[in-house]
Amino acid sequence: MCGELLACRSVDERTYEIKMSVPSGKEKVVDGFKIREVNITGKELSNDEVMVSFMGLPA
């Protein structure tokens, strides 16, 4: 439904940055979802945050 999860990086104990294979997957994650009894919510990167890659490699 959301596409493939390409990369996941732990920012801190309860925060992760993820990279999805398709842009439409972002809307599904931002809308929120549930894994077992845990509610997950997402947010988009703000304009002052930039995702970069080295030589085109994913995170």
PDB file of N, CA and C in Angstrom:
ATOM      1  N   MET A   1       0.805  -1.203   0.000  1.00  0.00           N
ATOM      2  CA  MET A   1       0.000   0.000   0.000  1.00  0.00           C
ATOM      3  C   MET A   1       0.847   1.265   0.000  1.00  0.00           C
ATOM      4  N   CYS A   2       1.899   1.288   0.783  1.00  0.00           N
ATOM      5  CA  CYS A   2       2.720   2.499   0.922  1.00  0.00           C
ATOM      6  C   CYS A   2       3.957   2.469   0.044  1.00  0.00           C
ATOM      7  N   GLY A   3       4.197   1.382  -0.631  1.00  0.00           N
ATOM      8  CA  GLY A   3       5.452   1.243  -1.354  1.00  0.00           C
ATOM      9  C   GLY A   3       6.480   0.568  -0.462  1.00  0.00           C
ATOM     10  N   GLU A   4       7.675   0.509  -0.930  1.00  0.00           N
ATOM     11  CA  GLU A   4       8.746  -0.176  -0.219  1.00  0.00           C
ATOM     12  C   GLU A   4       9.494   0.786   0.701  1.00  0.00           C
ATOM     13  N   LEU A   5       9.870   0.313   1.871  1.00  0.00           N
ATOM     14  CA  LEU A   5      10.703   1.081   2.789  1.00  0.00           C
ATOM     15  C   LEU A   5      12.150   0.876   2.352  1.00  0.00           C
ATOM     16  N   LEU A   6      12.816   1.947   1.906  1.00  0.00           N
ATOM     17  CA  LEU A   6      14.170   1.839   1.384  1.00  0.00           C
ATOM     18  C   LEU A   6      15.238   2.026   2.450  1.00  0.00           C
ATOM     19  N   ALA A   7      14.961   2.892   3.436  1.00  0.00           N
ATOM     20  CA  ALA A   7      15.952   3.158   4.476  1.00  0.00           C
ATOM     21  C   ALA A   7      15.251   3.606   5.749  1.00  0.00           C
ATOM     22  N   CYS A   8      15.856   3.281   6.885  1.00  0.00           N
ATOM     23  CA  CYS A   8      15.328   3.686   8.180  1.00  0.00           C
ATOM     24  C   CYS A   8      16.519   4.020   9.070  1.00  0.00           C
ATOM     25  N   ARG A   9      16.503   5.231   9.639  1.00  0.00           N
ATOM     26  CA  ARG A   9      17.612   5.680  10.482  1.00  0.00           C
ATOM     27  C   ARG A   9      17.065   6.143  11.822  1.00  0.00           C
ATOM     28  N   SER A  10      17.641   5.640  12.899  1.00  0.00           N
ATOM     29  CA  SER A  10      17.234   6.036  14.240  1.00  0.00           C
ATOM     30  C   SER A  10      17.815   7.412  14.557  1.00  0.00           C
ATOM     31  N   VAL A  11      16.943   8.352  14.925  1.00  0.00           N
ATOM     32  CA  VAL A  11      17.378   9.690  15.321  1.00  0.00           C
ATOM     33  C   VAL A  11      17.563   9.744  16.835  1.00  0.00           C
ATOM     34  N   ASP A  12      16.612   9.175  17.555  1.00  0.00           N
ATOM     35  CA  ASP A  12      16.721   9.012  19.005  1.00  0.00           C
ATOM     36  C   ASP A  12      15.852   7.831  19.409  1.00  0.00           C
ATOM     37  N   GLU A  13      15.598   7.677  20.693  1.00  0.00           N
ATOM     38  CA  GLU A  13      14.896   6.496  21.205  1.00  0.00           C
ATOM     39  C   GLU A  13      13.512   6.280  20.587  1.00  0.00           C
ATOM     40  N   ARG A  14      12.817   7.359  20.244  1.00  0.00           N
ATOM     41  CA  ARG A  14      11.445   7.233  19.731  1.00  0.00           C
ATOM     42  C   ARG A  14      11.244   7.898  18.374  1.00  0.00           C
ATOM     43  N   THR A  15      12.319   8.282  17.693  1.00  0.00           N
ATOM     44  CA  THR A  15      12.211   9.000  16.430  1.00  0.00           C
ATOM     45  C   THR A  15      13.070   8.338  15.358  1.00  0.00           C
ATOM     46  N   TYR A  16      12.480   8.163  14.174  1.00  0.00           N
ATOM     47  CA  TYR A  16      13.177   7.555  13.055  1.00  0.00           C
ATOM     48  C   TYR A  16      12.945   8.375  11.801  1.00  0.00           C
ATOM     49  N   GLU A  17      13.922   8.391  10.906  1.00  0.00           N
ATOM     50  CA  GLU A  17      13.748   8.970   9.581  1.00  0.00           C
ATOM     51  C   GLU A  17      13.663   7.801   8.610  1.00  0.00           C
ATOM     52  N   ILE A  18      12.698   7.854   7.698  1.00  0.00           N
ATOM     53  CA  ILE A  18      12.548   6.768   6.735  1.00  0.00           C
ATOM     54  C   ILE A  18      12.532   7.316   5.320  1.00  0.00           C
ATOM     55  N   LYS A  19      12.896   6.473   4.381  1.00  0.00           N
ATOM     56  CA  LYS A  19      12.845   6.812   2.965  1.00  0.00           C
ATOM     57  C   LYS A  19      11.958   5.774   2.287  1.00  0.00           C
ATOM     58  N   MET A  20      10.941   6.266   1.583  1.00  0.00           N
ATOM     59  CA  MET A  20       9.986   5.391   0.904  1.00  0.00           C
ATOM     60  C   MET A  20      10.326   5.315  -0.583  1.00  0.00           C
ATOM     61  N   SER A  21       9.905   4.231  -1.241  1.00  0.00           N
ATOM     62  CA  SER A  21      10.196   4.046  -2.666  1.00  0.00           C
ATOM     63  C   SER A  21       9.317   4.904  -3.564  1.00  0.00           C
ATOM     64  N   VAL A  22       8.136   5.295  -3.086  1.00  0.00           N
ATOM     65  CA  VAL A  22       7.227   6.107  -3.896  1.00  0.00           C
ATOM     66  C   VAL A  22       6.723   7.289  -3.067  1.00  0.00           C
ATOM     67  N   PRO A  23       6.582   8.466  -3.680  1.00  0.00           N
ATOM     68  CA  PRO A  23       6.110   9.635  -2.936  1.00  0.00           C
ATOM     69  C   PRO A  23       4.731   9.448  -2.303  1.00  0.00           C
ATOM     70  N   SER A  24       3.856   8.682  -2.924  1.00  0.00           N
ATOM     71  CA  SER A  24       2.511   8.495  -2.365  1.00  0.00           C
ATOM     72  C   SER A  24       2.550   7.749  -1.026  1.00  0.00           C
ATOM     73  N   GLY A  25       3.607   7.010  -0.757  1.00  0.00           N
ATOM     74  CA  GLY A  25       3.752   6.321   0.519  1.00  0.00           C
ATOM     75  C   GLY A  25       3.847   7.291   1.676  1.00  0.00           C
ATOM     76  N   LYS A  26       4.388   8.479   1.414  1.00  0.00           N
ATOM     77  CA  LYS A  26       4.546   9.497   2.456  1.00  0.00           C
ATOM     78  C   LYS A  26       3.196   9.869   3.064  1.00  0.00           C
ATOM     79  N   GLU A  27       2.183  10.075   2.231  1.00  0.00           N
ATOM     80  CA  GLU A  27       0.873  10.469   2.745  1.00  0.00           C
ATOM     81  C   GLU A  27       0.298   9.418   3.688  1.00  0.00           C
ATOM     82  N   LYS A  28       0.487   8.155   3.363  1.00  0.00           N
ATOM     83  CA  LYS A  28      -0.027   7.084   4.219  1.00  0.00           C
ATOM     84  C   LYS A  28       0.670   7.091   5.575  1.00  0.00           C
ATOM     85  N   VAL A  29       1.988   7.328   5.588  1.00  0.00           N
ATOM     86  CA  VAL A  29       2.739   7.343   6.846  1.00  0.00           C
ATOM     87  C   VAL A  29       2.379   8.579   7.657  1.00  0.00           C
ATOM     88  N   VAL A  30       2.266   9.739   7.005  1.00  0.00           N
ATOM     89  CA  VAL A  30       1.926  10.972   7.708  1.00  0.00           C
ATOM     90  C   VAL A  30       0.526  10.880   8.310  1.00  0.00           C
ATOM     91  N   ASP A  31      -0.389  10.173   7.648  1.00  0.00           N
ATOM     92  CA  ASP A  31      -1.739   9.991   8.185  1.00  0.00           C
ATOM     93  C   ASP A  31      -1.728   9.148   9.464  1.00  0.00           C
ATOM     94  N   GLY A  32      -0.697   8.355   9.665  1.00  0.00           N
ATOM     95  CA  GLY A  32      -0.565   7.524  10.857  1.00  0.00           C
ATOM     96  C   GLY A  32      -1.002   6.084  10.614  1.00  0.00           C
ATOM     97  N   PHE A  33      -0.490   5.177  11.421  1.00  0.00           N
ATOM     98  CA  PHE A  33      -0.844   3.765  11.340  1.00  0.00           C
ATOM     99  C   PHE A  33      -0.569   3.113  12.690  1.00  0.00           C
ATOM    100  N   LYS A  34      -0.924   1.860  12.823  1.00  0.00           N
ATOM    101  CA  LYS A  34      -0.786   1.150  14.095  1.00  0.00           C
ATOM    102  C   LYS A  34      -0.043  -0.166  13.879  1.00  0.00           C
ATOM    103  N   ILE A  35       0.911  -0.454  14.754  1.00  0.00           N
ATOM    104  CA  ILE A  35       1.600  -1.745  14.784  1.00  0.00           C
ATOM    105  C   ILE A  35       1.308  -2.348  16.147  1.00  0.00           C
ATOM    106  N   ARG A  36       0.577  -3.456  16.132  1.00  0.00           N
ATOM    107  CA  ARG A  36       0.052  -4.063  17.365  1.00  0.00           C
ATOM    108  C   ARG A  36      -0.702  -3.009  18.146  1.00  0.00           C
ATOM    109  N   GLU A  37      -0.269  -2.655  19.343  1.00  0.00           N
ATOM    110  CA  GLU A  37      -0.979  -1.663  20.160  1.00  0.00           C
ATOM    111  C   GLU A  37      -0.312  -0.289  20.133  1.00  0.00           C
ATOM    112  N   VAL A  38       0.655  -0.091  19.250  1.00  0.00           N
ATOM    113  CA  VAL A  38       1.409   1.171  19.209  1.00  0.00           C
ATOM    114  C   VAL A  38       0.942   2.019  18.034  1.00  0.00           C
ATOM    115  N   ASN A  39       0.509   3.250  18.316  1.00  0.00           N
ATOM    116  CA  ASN A  39       0.129   4.195  17.276  1.00  0.00           C
ATOM    117  C   ASN A  39       1.372   4.919  16.769  1.00  0.00           C
ATOM    118  N   ILE A  40       1.525   4.977  15.458  1.00  0.00           N
ATOM    119  CA  ILE A  40       2.675   5.616  14.820  1.00  0.00           C
ATOM    120  C   ILE A  40       2.178   6.833  14.051  1.00  0.00           C
ATOM    121  N   THR A  41       2.801   7.971  14.257  1.00  0.00           N
ATOM    122  CA  THR A  41       2.472   9.160  13.481  1.00  0.00           C
ATOM    123  C   THR A  41       3.736   9.657  12.794  1.00  0.00           C
ATOM    124  N   GLY A  42       3.564  10.308  11.677  1.00  0.00           N
ATOM    125  CA  GLY A  42       4.706  10.805  10.931  1.00  0.00           C
ATOM    126  C   GLY A  42       4.574  12.276  10.639  1.00  0.00           C
ATOM    127  N   LYS A  43       5.668  12.876  10.198  1.00  0.00           N
ATOM    128  CA  LYS A  43       5.647  14.263   9.752  1.00  0.00           C
ATOM    129  C   LYS A  43       6.615  14.398   8.595  1.00  0.00           C
ATOM    130  N   GLU A  44       6.334  15.355   7.738  1.00  0.00           N
ATOM    131  CA  GLU A  44       7.212  15.613   6.608  1.00  0.00           C
ATOM    132  C   GLU A  44       8.448  16.363   7.076  1.00  0.00           C
ATOM    133  N   LEU A  45       9.547  16.215   6.317  1.00  0.00           N
ATOM    134  CA  LEU A  45      10.716  17.041   6.589  1.00  0.00           C
ATOM    135  C   LEU A  45      10.341  18.488   6.323  1.00  0.00           C
ATOM    136  N   SER A  46      10.811  19.400   7.146  1.00  0.00           N
ATOM    137  CA  SER A  46      10.516  20.811   6.917  1.00  0.00           C
ATOM    138  C   SER A  46      11.456  21.369   5.845  1.00  0.00           C
ATOM    139  N   ASN A  47      11.190  22.566   5.402  1.00  0.00           N
ATOM    140  CA  ASN A  47      11.972  23.172   4.324  1.00  0.00           C
ATOM    141  C   ASN A  47      13.436  23.374   4.677  1.00  0.00           C
ATOM    142  N   ASP A  48      13.770  23.455   5.957  1.00  0.00           N
ATOM    143  CA  ASP A  48      15.167  23.666   6.326  1.00  0.00           C
ATOM    144  C   ASP A  48      15.926  22.352   6.530  1.00  0.00           C
ATOM    145  N   GLU A  49      15.264  21.207   6.268  1.00  0.00           N
ATOM    146  CA  GLU A  49      15.913  19.908   6.344  1.00  0.00           C
ATOM    147  C   GLU A  49      16.077  19.371   4.932  1.00  0.00           C
ATOM    148  N   VAL A  50      17.241  18.791   4.646  1.00  0.00           N
ATOM    149  CA  VAL A  50      17.522  18.287   3.303  1.00  0.00           C
ATOM    150  C   VAL A  50      18.048  16.864   3.415  1.00  0.00           C
ATOM    151  N   MET A  51      17.516  15.975   2.587  1.00  0.00           N
ATOM    152  CA  MET A  51      17.998  14.606   2.519  1.00  0.00           C
ATOM    153  C   MET A  51      19.064  14.544   1.423  1.00  0.00           C
ATOM    154  N   VAL A  52      20.241  14.058   1.729  1.00  0.00           N
ATOM    155  CA  VAL A  52      21.300  13.944   0.737  1.00  0.00           C
ATOM    156  C   VAL A  52      21.750  12.503   0.634  1.00  0.00           C
ATOM    157  N   SER A  53      22.351  12.171  -0.489  1.00  0.00           N
ATOM    158  CA  SER A  53      22.925  10.833  -0.638  1.00  0.00           C
ATOM    159  C   SER A  53      24.332  10.966  -1.210  1.00  0.00           C
ATOM    160  N   PHE A  54      25.133   9.971  -0.996  1.00  0.00           N
ATOM    161  CA  PHE A  54      26.508   9.949  -1.484  1.00  0.00           C
ATOM    162  C   PHE A  54      26.566   9.049  -2.701  1.00  0.00           C
ATOM    163  N   MET A  55      26.890   9.596  -3.840  1.00  0.00           N
ATOM    164  CA  MET A  55      27.006   8.841  -5.092  1.00  0.00           C
ATOM    165  C   MET A  55      25.708   8.107  -5.429  1.00  0.00           C
ATOM    166  N   GLY A  56      24.563   8.694  -5.072  1.00  0.00           N
ATOM    167  CA  GLY A  56      23.286   8.112  -5.404  1.00  0.00           C
ATOM    168  C   GLY A  56      22.884   6.910  -4.566  1.00  0.00           C
ATOM    169  N   LEU A  57      23.653   6.606  -3.527  1.00  0.00           N
ATOM    170  CA  LEU A  57      23.327   5.457  -2.667  1.00  0.00           C
ATOM    171  C   LEU A  57      22.267   5.837  -1.655  1.00  0.00           C
ATOM    172  N   PRO A  58      21.283   4.966  -1.380  1.00  0.00           N
ATOM    173  CA  PRO A  58      20.300   5.260  -0.343  1.00  0.00           C
ATOM    174  C   PRO A  58      20.952   5.251   1.030  1.00  0.00           C
ATOM    175  N   ALA A  59      20.240   5.778   2.002  1.00  0.00           N
ATOM    176  CA  ALA A  59      20.785   5.907   3.366  1.00  0.00           C
ATOM    177  C   ALA A  59      21.303   4.604   3.922  1.00  0.00           C
TER     178      ALA A  59
END
